Amino acid sequence: MKMDTDGHITGGERVQDEQNDLDVALTELRRRLSDGLARSGLEKTPLARRTGLVRMPMSAVFQSDGPVPSARTVAALAHRLHLPGEELLEQR
C-alpha cells in the first residue's frame, strides 16, 4: 500500500480503472451475444435448449446487471450463434 505526501492511500485509481475496463469488456460481450441472438432469430428459451444451458443462467448473460457468465456458457453461446468464441472468452 502506498501513500501520497498527504498520507492518503494511492493506487485506488488503478483499481478503479481496471474495474472500468472489465465493465466495458463485459458490456461489449453482452452486446455481441445479444446481436448474435437477434441475427439467429431464436428466442432465449430455444437457444438455451440448443446449447444445453438452463434458461435462467443463460438469460442472465444478457442482463446488464447479471453475473459474469462462465467460460462454458460463453463458449456454448458463441458456438450456437456462430460467433468467435476465443474473442468472446477474452472479454469475460
Protein backbone atom coordinates (compact mmCIF):
# COMPACT_ATOMS: atom_id res chain seq x y z
CA MET A 1 0.00 0.00 0.00
CA LYS A 2 1.36 3.39 -1.00
CA MET A 3 0.59 6.78 0.48
CA ASP A 4 0.92 10.18 -1.08
CA THR A 5 2.56 13.13 0.65
CA ASP A 6 -0.71 13.94 2.45
CA GLY A 7 -0.97 10.46 3.94
CA HIS A 8 -3.76 9.29 1.59
CA ILE A 9 -3.68 5.80 0.15
CA THR A 10 -2.87 5.81 -3.56
CA GLY A 11 -3.41 3.21 -6.24
CA GLY A 12 -7.20 3.35 -5.98
CA GLU A 13 -7.35 4.95 -9.41
CA ARG A 14 -5.60 1.92 -10.88
CA VAL A 15 -8.10 -0.46 -9.28
CA GLN A 16 -10.98 1.69 -10.47
CA ASP A 17 -9.51 1.81 -14.00
CA GLU A 18 -9.18 -1.99 -14.03
CA GLN A 19 -12.80 -2.35 -12.88
CA ASN A 20 -13.92 0.08 -15.57
CA ASP A 21 -12.03 -1.94 -18.18
CA LEU A 22 -13.75 -5.12 -17.00
CA ASP A 23 -17.15 -3.40 -17.09
CA VAL A 24 -16.53 -2.17 -20.64
CA ALA A 25 -15.42 -5.65 -21.78
CA LEU A 26 -18.44 -7.31 -20.17
CA THR A 27 -20.80 -4.76 -21.75
CA GLU A 28 -19.22 -5.46 -25.16
CA LEU A 29 -19.54 -9.22 -24.58
CA ARG A 30 -23.24 -8.85 -23.77
CA ARG A 31 -23.76 -6.62 -26.82
CA ARG A 32 -22.09 -9.10 -29.15
CA LEU A 33 -24.08 -12.02 -27.75
CA SER A 34 -27.32 -10.02 -28.00
CA ASP A 35 -26.53 -9.10 -31.61
CA GLY A 36 -25.82 -12.75 -32.38
CA LEU A 37 -29.09 -13.77 -30.75
CA ALA A 38 -31.01 -11.20 -32.82
CA ARG A 39 -29.35 -12.37 -36.05
CA SER A 40 -30.12 -16.00 -35.23
CA GLY A 41 -33.84 -15.33 -34.98
CA LEU A 42 -34.01 -17.52 -31.87
CA GLU A 43 -35.68 -16.72 -28.59
CA LYS A 44 -33.74 -17.31 -25.36
CA THR A 45 -35.62 -20.47 -24.35
CA PRO A 46 -34.94 -22.35 -27.61
CA LEU A 47 -31.34 -21.08 -27.52
CA ALA A 48 -30.96 -22.47 -24.01
CA ARG A 49 -32.29 -25.84 -25.16
CA ARG A 50 -29.99 -25.96 -28.18
CA THR A 51 -26.92 -25.08 -26.11
CA GLY A 52 -27.79 -27.38 -23.22
CA LEU A 53 -27.81 -24.43 -20.82
CA VAL A 54 -30.53 -23.86 -18.28
CA ARG A 55 -32.70 -20.90 -19.13
CA MET A 56 -32.19 -18.80 -16.00
CA PRO A 57 -28.37 -18.59 -16.03
CA MET A 58 -28.42 -18.23 -19.83
CA SER A 59 -30.93 -15.40 -19.59
CA ALA A 60 -28.75 -13.60 -17.03
CA VAL A 61 -25.98 -13.43 -19.64
CA PHE A 62 -27.99 -10.80 -21.49
CA GLN A 63 -28.82 -8.67 -18.43
CA SER A 64 -26.61 -5.65 -17.85
CA ASP A 65 -26.56 -6.32 -14.12
CA GLY A 66 -26.24 -10.10 -14.45
CA PRO A 67 -23.27 -12.08 -13.17
CA VAL A 68 -20.20 -12.65 -15.31
CA PRO A 69 -21.04 -15.65 -17.49
CA SER A 70 -18.92 -18.75 -17.16
CA ALA A 71 -16.46 -19.72 -19.86
CA ARG A 72 -18.65 -22.74 -20.65
CA THR A 73 -21.69 -20.52 -21.14
CA VAL A 74 -19.84 -18.07 -23.38
CA ALA A 75 -18.32 -20.90 -25.45
CA ALA A 76 -21.69 -22.66 -25.88
CA LEU A 77 -23.45 -19.44 -26.91
CA ALA A 78 -20.65 -18.42 -29.26
CA HIS A 79 -20.75 -21.81 -30.95
CA ARG A 80 -24.54 -21.84 -31.38
CA LEU A 81 -24.67 -18.18 -32.50
CA HIS A 82 -21.71 -18.58 -34.90
CA LEU A 83 -19.60 -16.00 -33.06
CA PRO A 84 -15.81 -16.04 -32.49
CA GLY A 85 -15.55 -17.95 -29.22
CA GLU A 86 -11.93 -17.08 -28.43
CA GLU A 87 -12.57 -13.35 -28.79
CA LEU A 88 -15.66 -13.51 -26.61
CA LEU A 89 -13.90 -15.53 -23.94
CA GLU A 90 -11.26 -12.81 -23.70
CA GLN A 91 -13.99 -10.28 -22.88
CA ARG A 92 -15.42 -12.12 -19.89
